[in-house]
Amino acid sequence: MSLISDAPTEVQNIKISPGSGLDGGNVGDDGDHGGGDGGENDDRIDPAPVVLSSISSNVLGMLIFIASELVLFLVLIIVFSLARAGHSEWPPMGQPRLPLLISSINTFILMISGLTMFQAWRYIRDGYICAFQRQVFITTVLGIVFLMFQGFEWFNLIRFGLKVTANLYGATFYVLIGMHALHVFIAVQVLIFVWRKALRGAYTKRDHSGLIMGGLFWEFVVLIWPILFIVVYLA
């Protein structure tokens, strides 16, 4: 089942105006509202039109999903913090230190991808289709680069002895950071799907709910990373 739906996000407006026969008044033969003295109708102040708005159920569903994933990450952060608080030395003696330089570069790459994703939404909103397609492609490439740097970092950490089964430090590190990497991987697949549909002209200025859903998920994995970086790498 696809994570992306192309259901329209266009806000539906229903206006109820006087004289339409829907505002509760009685329409006479001459088109004037009846009910009461004819002279009083001339002095009546017409109510403002009533506007009923709706939001795309797919976008709302994505927001609820993101909220549930946020709770998951908060739980994992709490578990990692409690494990660290229970040890006088963290990381434990004999375990490799986390590479701050490469992780800082990776953080910068992911933050830039968040900006390009936001720019893609602005372009499609203003009707610049080619620029929108380009920004989605750049965002996707940056996400892939982030995963490659992450894989390189893990390869070296495992080579120097930091494994999931080594100790509590290794287990909590890989579960927390690995969960984020899994979300980034899924989000990259979503972006590839969005980009391919964009090349086929599936998104327009008025209809781009698929981009909104994919963009929301991508911004989530982008914005949660600085918190993980501070908790795991800097604290």
C-alpha atoms as a PDB file:
ATOM      1  CA  MET A   1       0.000   0.000   0.000  1.00  0.00           C
ATOM      2  CA  SER A   2       1.392   3.387  -0.897  1.00  0.00           C
ATOM      3  CA  LEU A   3       2.168   5.883   1.833  1.00  0.00           C
ATOM      4  CA  ILE A   4       1.296   8.710  -0.515  1.00  0.00           C
ATOM      5  CA  SER A   5      -2.151   9.651  -1.699  1.00  0.00           C
ATOM      6  CA  ASP A   6      -3.007  12.177  -4.345  1.00  0.00           C
ATOM      7  CA  ALA A   7      -6.294  13.198  -2.737  1.00  0.00           C
ATOM      8  CA  PRO A   8      -6.895  16.909  -3.246  1.00  0.00           C
ATOM      9  CA  THR A   9      -5.966  19.202  -0.409  1.00  0.00           C
ATOM     10  CA  GLU A  10      -8.094  22.008  -1.782  1.00  0.00           C
ATOM     11  CA  VAL A  11     -10.116  23.617   0.975  1.00  0.00           C
ATOM     12  CA  GLN A  12     -13.826  23.254   0.287  1.00  0.00           C
ATOM     13  CA  ASN A  13     -15.811  26.416   0.829  1.00  0.00           C
ATOM     14  CA  ILE A  14     -19.596  26.374   1.244  1.00  0.00           C
ATOM     15  CA  LYS A  15     -21.138  29.808   1.269  1.00  0.00           C
ATOM     16  CA  ILE A  16     -24.709  30.323   2.440  1.00  0.00           C
ATOM     17  CA  SER A  17     -25.873  33.715   1.325  1.00  0.00           C
ATOM     18  CA  PRO A  18     -29.196  35.480   1.665  1.00  0.00           C
ATOM     19  CA  GLY A  19     -31.631  35.005  -1.125  1.00  0.00           C
ATOM     20  CA  SER A  20     -30.533  31.482  -1.951  1.00  0.00           C
ATOM     21  CA  GLY A  21     -33.429  29.906  -0.130  1.00  0.00           C
ATOM     22  CA  LEU A  22     -31.025  28.139   2.251  1.00  0.00           C
ATOM     23  CA  ASP A  23     -30.857  30.794   4.960  1.00  0.00           C
ATOM     24  CA  GLY A  24     -34.184  30.043   6.538  1.00  0.00           C
ATOM     25  CA  GLY A  25     -36.142  32.879   4.932  1.00  0.00           C
ATOM     26  CA  ASN A  26     -39.247  32.539   2.800  1.00  0.00           C
ATOM     27  CA  VAL A  27     -39.000  33.687  -0.764  1.00  0.00           C
ATOM     28  CA  GLY A  28     -42.041  35.423  -2.144  1.00  0.00           C
ATOM     29  CA  ASP A  29     -43.329  35.513  -5.676  1.00  0.00           C
ATOM     30  CA  ASP A  30     -41.386  38.660  -6.460  1.00  0.00           C
ATOM     31  CA  GLY A  31     -38.087  37.209  -5.134  1.00  0.00           C
ATOM     32  CA  ASP A  32     -38.200  39.208  -1.839  1.00  0.00           C
ATOM     33  CA  HIS A  33     -38.066  37.461   1.517  1.00  0.00           C
ATOM     34  CA  GLY A  34     -41.372  37.186   3.239  1.00  0.00           C
ATOM     35  CA  GLY A  35     -42.229  36.719   6.860  1.00  0.00           C
ATOM     36  CA  GLY A  36     -43.274  39.732   8.906  1.00  0.00           C
ATOM     37  CA  ASP A  37     -43.946  43.246   7.762  1.00  0.00           C
ATOM     38  CA  GLY A  38     -42.726  44.081   4.280  1.00  0.00           C
ATOM     39  CA  GLY A  39     -41.290  47.372   5.513  1.00  0.00           C
ATOM     40  CA  GLU A  40     -39.196  45.653   8.180  1.00  0.00           C
ATOM     41  CA  ASN A  41     -37.446  43.535   5.548  1.00  0.00           C
ATOM     42  CA  ASP A  42     -35.918  46.630   4.010  1.00  0.00           C
ATOM     43  CA  ASP A  43     -34.163  47.447   7.292  1.00  0.00           C
ATOM     44  CA  ARG A  44     -32.884  43.926   7.992  1.00  0.00           C
ATOM     45  CA  ILE A  45     -29.080  43.496   8.034  1.00  0.00           C
ATOM     46  CA  ASP A  46     -28.078  40.501   5.940  1.00  0.00           C
ATOM     47  CA  PRO A  47     -25.796  38.088   7.827  1.00  0.00           C
ATOM     48  CA  ALA A  48     -22.282  37.445   6.553  1.00  0.00           C
ATOM     49  CA  PRO A  49     -21.842  34.294   4.442  1.00  0.00           C
ATOM     50  CA  VAL A  50     -21.050  31.176   6.456  1.00  0.00           C
ATOM     51  CA  VAL A  51     -17.811  29.437   5.410  1.00  0.00           C
ATOM     52  CA  LEU A  52     -17.265  25.784   6.293  1.00  0.00           C
ATOM     53  CA  SER A  53     -13.688  24.525   5.880  1.00  0.00           C
ATOM     54  CA  SER A  54     -12.294  21.008   5.768  1.00  0.00           C
ATOM     55  CA  ILE A  55      -8.790  19.557   5.851  1.00  0.00           C
ATOM     56  CA  SER A  56      -7.610  16.575   3.841  1.00  0.00           C
ATOM     57  CA  SER A  57      -8.146  13.389   5.843  1.00  0.00           C
ATOM     58  CA  ASN A  58      -4.885  11.996   4.437  1.00  0.00           C
ATOM     59  CA  VAL A  59      -2.854  14.954   5.713  1.00  0.00           C
ATOM     60  CA  LEU A  60      -4.588  14.707   9.085  1.00  0.00           C
ATOM     61  CA  GLY A  61      -3.756  11.010   9.190  1.00  0.00           C
ATOM     62  CA  MET A  62      -0.096  11.776   8.494  1.00  0.00           C
ATOM     63  CA  LEU A  63      -0.030  14.300  11.347  1.00  0.00           C
ATOM     64  CA  ILE A  64      -1.481  11.706  13.728  1.00  0.00           C
ATOM     65  CA  PHE A  65       1.091   9.154  12.554  1.00  0.00           C
ATOM     66  CA  ILE A  66       3.930  11.630  13.108  1.00  0.00           C
ATOM     67  CA  ALA A  67       2.627  12.367  16.608  1.00  0.00           C
ATOM     68  CA  SER A  68       2.713   8.648  17.447  1.00  0.00           C
ATOM     69  CA  GLU A  69       6.267   8.355  16.092  1.00  0.00           C
ATOM     70  CA  LEU A  70       7.307  11.344  18.183  1.00  0.00           C
ATOM     71  CA  VAL A  71       6.096   9.525  21.293  1.00  0.00           C
ATOM     72  CA  LEU A  72       8.175   6.498  20.254  1.00  0.00           C
ATOM     73  CA  PHE A  73      11.339   8.590  19.970  1.00  0.00           C
ATOM     74  CA  LEU A  74      10.671  10.301  23.289  1.00  0.00           C
ATOM     75  CA  VAL A  75      10.447   6.895  24.973  1.00  0.00           C
ATOM     76  CA  LEU A  76      13.720   5.767  23.373  1.00  0.00           C
ATOM     77  CA  ILE A  77      15.435   9.010  24.412  1.00  0.00           C
ATOM     78  CA  ILE A  78      14.269   8.518  28.002  1.00  0.00           C
ATOM     79  CA  VAL A  79      15.559   4.926  28.014  1.00  0.00           C
ATOM     80  CA  PHE A  80      18.944   6.043  26.662  1.00  0.00           C
ATOM     81  CA  SER A  81      19.167   8.870  29.211  1.00  0.00           C
ATOM     82  CA  LEU A  82      18.306   6.553  32.123  1.00  0.00           C
ATOM     83  CA  ALA A  83      20.928   4.049  30.972  1.00  0.00           C
ATOM     84  CA  ARG A  84      23.531   6.802  30.838  1.00  0.00           C
ATOM     85  CA  ALA A  85      22.538   8.143  34.258  1.00  0.00           C
ATOM     86  CA  GLY A  86      23.084   4.706  35.781  1.00  0.00           C
ATOM     87  CA  HIS A  87      26.753   4.579  34.735  1.00  0.00           C
ATOM     88  CA  SER A  88      29.574   6.709  36.065  1.00  0.00           C
ATOM     89  CA  GLU A  89      31.444   6.410  32.769  1.00  0.00           C
ATOM     90  CA  TRP A  90      29.596   6.791  29.480  1.00  0.00           C
ATOM     91  CA  PRO A  91      30.626   5.426  27.009  1.00  0.00           C
ATOM     92  CA  PRO A  92      32.095   2.573  29.088  1.00  0.00           C
ATOM     93  CA  MET A  93      35.844   2.094  29.199  1.00  0.00           C
ATOM     94  CA  GLY A  94      37.195   0.304  26.157  1.00  0.00           C
ATOM     95  CA  GLN A  95      34.403   1.459  23.853  1.00  0.00           C
ATOM     96  CA  PRO A  96      35.170   3.766  20.904  1.00  0.00           C
ATOM     97  CA  ARG A  97      34.153   7.398  21.123  1.00  0.00           C
ATOM     98  CA  LEU A  98      31.528   8.600  18.673  1.00  0.00           C
ATOM     99  CA  PRO A  99      32.922  10.543  15.677  1.00  0.00           C
ATOM    100  CA  LEU A 100      31.737  14.109  16.264  1.00  0.00           C
ATOM    101  CA  LEU A 101      33.177  15.565  13.049  1.00  0.00           C
ATOM    102  CA  ILE A 102      31.481  13.238  10.589  1.00  0.00           C
ATOM    103  CA  SER A 103      28.264  13.324  12.621  1.00  0.00           C
ATOM    104  CA  SER A 104      28.298  17.133  12.615  1.00  0.00           C
ATOM    105  CA  ILE A 105      28.725  17.160   8.832  1.00  0.00           C
ATOM    106  CA  ASN A 106      25.886  14.669   8.530  1.00  0.00           C
ATOM    107  CA  THR A 107      23.698  16.863  10.718  1.00  0.00           C
ATOM    108  CA  PHE A 108      24.385  19.842   8.453  1.00  0.00           C
ATOM    109  CA  ILE A 109      23.465  17.771   5.382  1.00  0.00           C
ATOM    110  CA  LEU A 110      20.156  16.718   6.917  1.00  0.00           C
ATOM    111  CA  MET A 111      19.306  20.286   7.948  1.00  0.00           C
ATOM    112  CA  ILE A 112      19.918  21.494   4.393  1.00  0.00           C
ATOM    113  CA  SER A 113      17.590  18.788   3.105  1.00  0.00           C
ATOM    114  CA  GLY A 114      14.881  20.151   5.367  1.00  0.00           C
ATOM    115  CA  LEU A 115      15.274  23.569   3.745  1.00  0.00           C
ATOM    116  CA  THR A 116      15.163  22.147   0.215  1.00  0.00           C
ATOM    117  CA  MET A 117      11.998  20.218   1.078  1.00  0.00           C
ATOM    118  CA  PHE A 118      10.358  23.389   2.352  1.00  0.00           C
ATOM    119  CA  GLN A 119      11.476  25.206  -0.795  1.00  0.00           C
ATOM    120  CA  ALA A 120       9.899  22.458  -2.912  1.00  0.00           C
ATOM    121  CA  TRP A 121       6.560  23.090  -1.228  1.00  0.00           C
ATOM    122  CA  ARG A 122       6.856  26.835  -1.837  1.00  0.00           C
ATOM    123  CA  TYR A 123       7.620  26.276  -5.518  1.00  0.00           C
ATOM    124  CA  ILE A 124       4.644  23.970  -6.134  1.00  0.00           C
ATOM    125  CA  ARG A 125       2.400  26.323  -4.194  1.00  0.00           C
ATOM    126  CA  ASP A 126       3.426  29.167  -6.513  1.00  0.00           C
ATOM    127  CA  GLY A 127       3.155  27.012  -9.625  1.00  0.00           C
ATOM    128  CA  TYR A 128       6.871  26.601 -10.470  1.00  0.00           C
ATOM    129  CA  ILE A 129       6.720  22.937 -11.440  1.00  0.00           C
ATOM    130  CA  CYS A 130      10.285  22.478 -12.747  1.00  0.00           C
ATOM    131  CA  ALA A 131      11.823  24.163  -9.698  1.00  0.00           C
ATOM    132  CA  PHE A 132       9.617  22.017  -7.470  1.00  0.00           C
ATOM    133  CA  GLN A 133      10.810  18.825  -9.169  1.00  0.00           C
ATOM    134  CA  ARG A 134      14.428  19.932  -8.810  1.00  0.00           C
ATOM    135  CA  GLN A 135      14.104  20.617  -5.074  1.00  0.00           C
ATOM    136  CA  VAL A 136      12.484  17.240  -4.421  1.00  0.00           C
ATOM    137  CA  PHE A 137      15.353  15.565  -6.285  1.00  0.00           C
ATOM    138  CA  ILE A 138      17.971  17.497  -4.275  1.00  0.00           C
ATOM    139  CA  THR A 139      16.222  16.576  -1.024  1.00  0.00           C
ATOM    140  CA  THR A 140      16.221  12.913  -2.001  1.00  0.00           C
ATOM    141  CA  VAL A 141      19.932  12.956  -2.858  1.00  0.00           C
ATOM    142  CA  LEU A 142      20.782  14.642   0.456  1.00  0.00           C
ATOM    143  CA  GLY A 143      18.803  11.985   2.301  1.00  0.00           C
ATOM    144  CA  ILE A 144      20.751   9.237   0.535  1.00  0.00           C
ATOM    145  CA  VAL A 145      24.044  10.973   1.367  1.00  0.00           C
ATOM    146  CA  PHE A 146      23.000  11.146   5.027  1.00  0.00           C
ATOM    147  CA  LEU A 147      22.365   7.398   5.075  1.00  0.00           C
ATOM    148  CA  MET A 148      25.718   6.721   3.403  1.00  0.00           C
ATOM    149  CA  PHE A 149      27.566   8.765   6.034  1.00  0.00           C
ATOM    150  CA  GLN A 150      25.598   6.971   8.745  1.00  0.00           C
ATOM    151  CA  GLY A 151      26.547   3.587   7.310  1.00  0.00           C
ATOM    152  CA  PHE A 152      30.215   4.596   7.113  1.00  0.00           C
ATOM    153  CA  GLU A 153      30.106   5.703  10.749  1.00  0.00           C
ATOM    154  CA  TRP A 154      28.522   2.456  11.904  1.00  0.00           C
ATOM    155  CA  PHE A 155      31.011   0.383   9.906  1.00  0.00           C
ATOM    156  CA  ASN A 156      33.908   2.008  11.748  1.00  0.00           C
ATOM    157  CA  LEU A 157      32.210   1.807  15.147  1.00  0.00           C
ATOM    158  CA  ILE A 158      31.560  -1.909  14.711  1.00  0.00           C
ATOM    159  CA  ARG A 159      35.120  -2.407  13.485  1.00  0.00           C
ATOM    160  CA  PHE A 160      36.420  -0.791  16.683  1.00  0.00           C
ATOM    161  CA  GLY A 161      34.225  -2.914  18.936  1.00  0.00           C
ATOM    162  CA  LEU A 162      30.949  -1.019  19.418  1.00  0.00           C
ATOM    163  CA  LYS A 163      28.350  -3.705  18.708  1.00  0.00           C
ATOM    164  CA  VAL A 164      24.716  -4.146  19.667  1.00  0.00           C
ATOM    165  CA  THR A 165      25.587  -7.133  21.841  1.00  0.00           C
ATOM    166  CA  ALA A 166      28.675  -5.566  23.416  1.00  0.00           C
ATOM    167  CA  ASN A 167      26.948  -3.870  26.346  1.00  0.00           C
ATOM    168  CA  LEU A 168      24.033  -1.638  27.320  1.00  0.00           C
ATOM    169  CA  TYR A 169      25.707   1.353  25.684  1.00  0.00           C
ATOM    170  CA  GLY A 170      25.941  -0.365  22.313  1.00  0.00           C
ATOM    171  CA  ALA A 171      22.388  -1.688  22.531  1.00  0.00           C
ATOM    172  CA  THR A 172      20.782   1.655  23.389  1.00  0.00           C
ATOM    173  CA  PHE A 173      22.913   3.537  20.857  1.00  0.00           C
ATOM    174  CA  TYR A 174      22.028   1.341  17.899  1.00  0.00           C
ATOM    175  CA  VAL A 175      18.353   1.076  18.849  1.00  0.00           C
ATOM    176  CA  LEU A 176      17.919   4.851  19.115  1.00  0.00           C
ATOM    177  CA  ILE A 177      20.076   5.939  16.179  1.00  0.00           C
ATOM    178  CA  GLY A 178      19.061   2.886  14.162  1.00  0.00           C
ATOM    179  CA  MET A 179      15.387   3.714  14.595  1.00  0.00           C
ATOM    180  CA  HIS A 180      16.030   7.170  13.177  1.00  0.00           C
ATOM    181  CA  ALA A 181      18.030   5.736  10.282  1.00  0.00           C
ATOM    182  CA  LEU A 182      15.124   3.400   9.515  1.00  0.00           C
ATOM    183  CA  HIS A 183      12.750   6.367   9.400  1.00  0.00           C
ATOM    184  CA  VAL A 184      15.131   8.252   7.105  1.00  0.00           C
ATOM    185  CA  PHE A 185      15.315   5.224   4.801  1.00  0.00           C
ATOM    186  CA  ILE A 186      11.515   5.004   4.618  1.00  0.00           C
ATOM    187  CA  ALA A 187      11.257   8.764   4.070  1.00  0.00           C
ATOM    188  CA  VAL A 188      13.763   8.559   1.198  1.00  0.00           C
ATOM    189  CA  GLN A 189      11.589   5.901  -0.453  1.00  0.00           C
ATOM    190  CA  VAL A 190       8.624   8.234  -0.043  1.00  0.00           C
ATOM    191  CA  LEU A 191      10.569  11.093  -1.648  1.00  0.00           C
ATOM    192  CA  ILE A 192      11.568   8.895  -4.581  1.00  0.00           C
ATOM    193  CA  PHE A 193       7.892   8.034  -5.061  1.00  0.00           C
ATOM    194  CA  VAL A 194       6.914  11.716  -4.897  1.00  0.00           C
ATOM    195  CA  TRP A 195       9.667  12.714  -7.326  1.00  0.00           C
ATOM    196  CA  ARG A 196       8.690  10.083  -9.897  1.00  0.00           C
ATOM    197  CA  LYS A 197       5.058  11.185  -9.750  1.00  0.00           C
ATOM    198  CA  ALA A 198       6.182  14.804 -10.025  1.00  0.00           C
ATOM    199  CA  LEU A 199       8.023  14.007 -13.260  1.00  0.00           C
ATOM    200  CA  ARG A 200       4.769  12.609 -14.649  1.00  0.00           C
ATOM    201  CA  GLY A 201       2.969  15.842 -13.791  1.00  0.00           C
ATOM    202  CA  ALA A 202       0.874  14.350 -10.997  1.00  0.00           C
ATOM    203  CA  TYR A 203       1.188  17.436  -8.793  1.00  0.00           C
ATOM    204  CA  THR A 204      -0.143  20.875  -9.594  1.00  0.00           C
ATOM    205  CA  LYS A 205      -0.468  24.211  -7.866  1.00  0.00           C
ATOM    206  CA  ARG A 206      -3.933  23.255  -6.619  1.00  0.00           C
ATOM    207  CA  ASP A 207      -3.450  19.523  -6.092  1.00  0.00           C
ATOM    208  CA  HIS A 208      -0.284  18.371  -4.303  1.00  0.00           C
ATOM    209  CA  SER A 209      -1.423  16.544  -1.177  1.00  0.00           C
ATOM    210  CA  GLY A 210       1.091  13.768  -1.867  1.00  0.00           C
ATOM    211  CA  LEU A 211       3.919  16.277  -1.566  1.00  0.00           C
ATOM    212  CA  ILE A 212       2.460  17.687   1.641  1.00  0.00           C
ATOM    213  CA  MET A 213       2.286  14.251   3.251  1.00  0.00           C
ATOM    214  CA  GLY A 214       5.772  13.239   2.128  1.00  0.00           C
ATOM    215  CA  GLY A 215       7.142  16.637   3.117  1.00  0.00           C
ATOM    216  CA  LEU A 216       5.653  16.434   6.598  1.00  0.00           C
ATOM    217  CA  PHE A 217       7.236  13.031   7.179  1.00  0.00           C
ATOM    218  CA  TRP A 218      10.596  14.230   5.881  1.00  0.00           C
ATOM    219  CA  GLU A 219      10.577  17.349   8.048  1.00  0.00           C
ATOM    220  CA  PHE A 220       9.824  15.129  11.033  1.00  0.00           C
ATOM    221  CA  VAL A 221      12.936  12.971  10.538  1.00  0.00           C
ATOM    222  CA  VAL A 222      14.956  16.142   9.926  1.00  0.00           C
ATOM    223  CA  LEU A 223      13.811  17.996  13.037  1.00  0.00           C
ATOM    224  CA  ILE A 224      14.081  15.020  15.405  1.00  0.00           C
ATOM    225  CA  TRP A 225      17.738  14.475  14.488  1.00  0.00           C
ATOM    226  CA  PRO A 226      19.267  17.534  16.270  1.00  0.00           C
ATOM    227  CA  ILE A 227      17.659  16.310  19.495  1.00  0.00           C
ATOM    228  CA  LEU A 228      19.200  12.867  19.035  1.00  0.00           C
ATOM    229  CA  PHE A 229      22.539  14.412  18.116  1.00  0.00           C
ATOM    230  CA  ILE A 230      22.619  16.451  21.325  1.00  0.00           C
ATOM    231  CA  VAL A 231      21.454  13.591  23.562  1.00  0.00           C
ATOM    232  CA  VAL A 232      23.671  10.868  22.076  1.00  0.00           C
ATOM    233  CA  TYR A 233      26.745  12.637  20.679  1.00  0.00           C
ATOM    234  CA  LEU A 234      27.156  15.806  22.744  1.00  0.00           C
ATOM    235  CA  ALA A 235      25.657  15.178  26.188  1.00  0.00           C
END
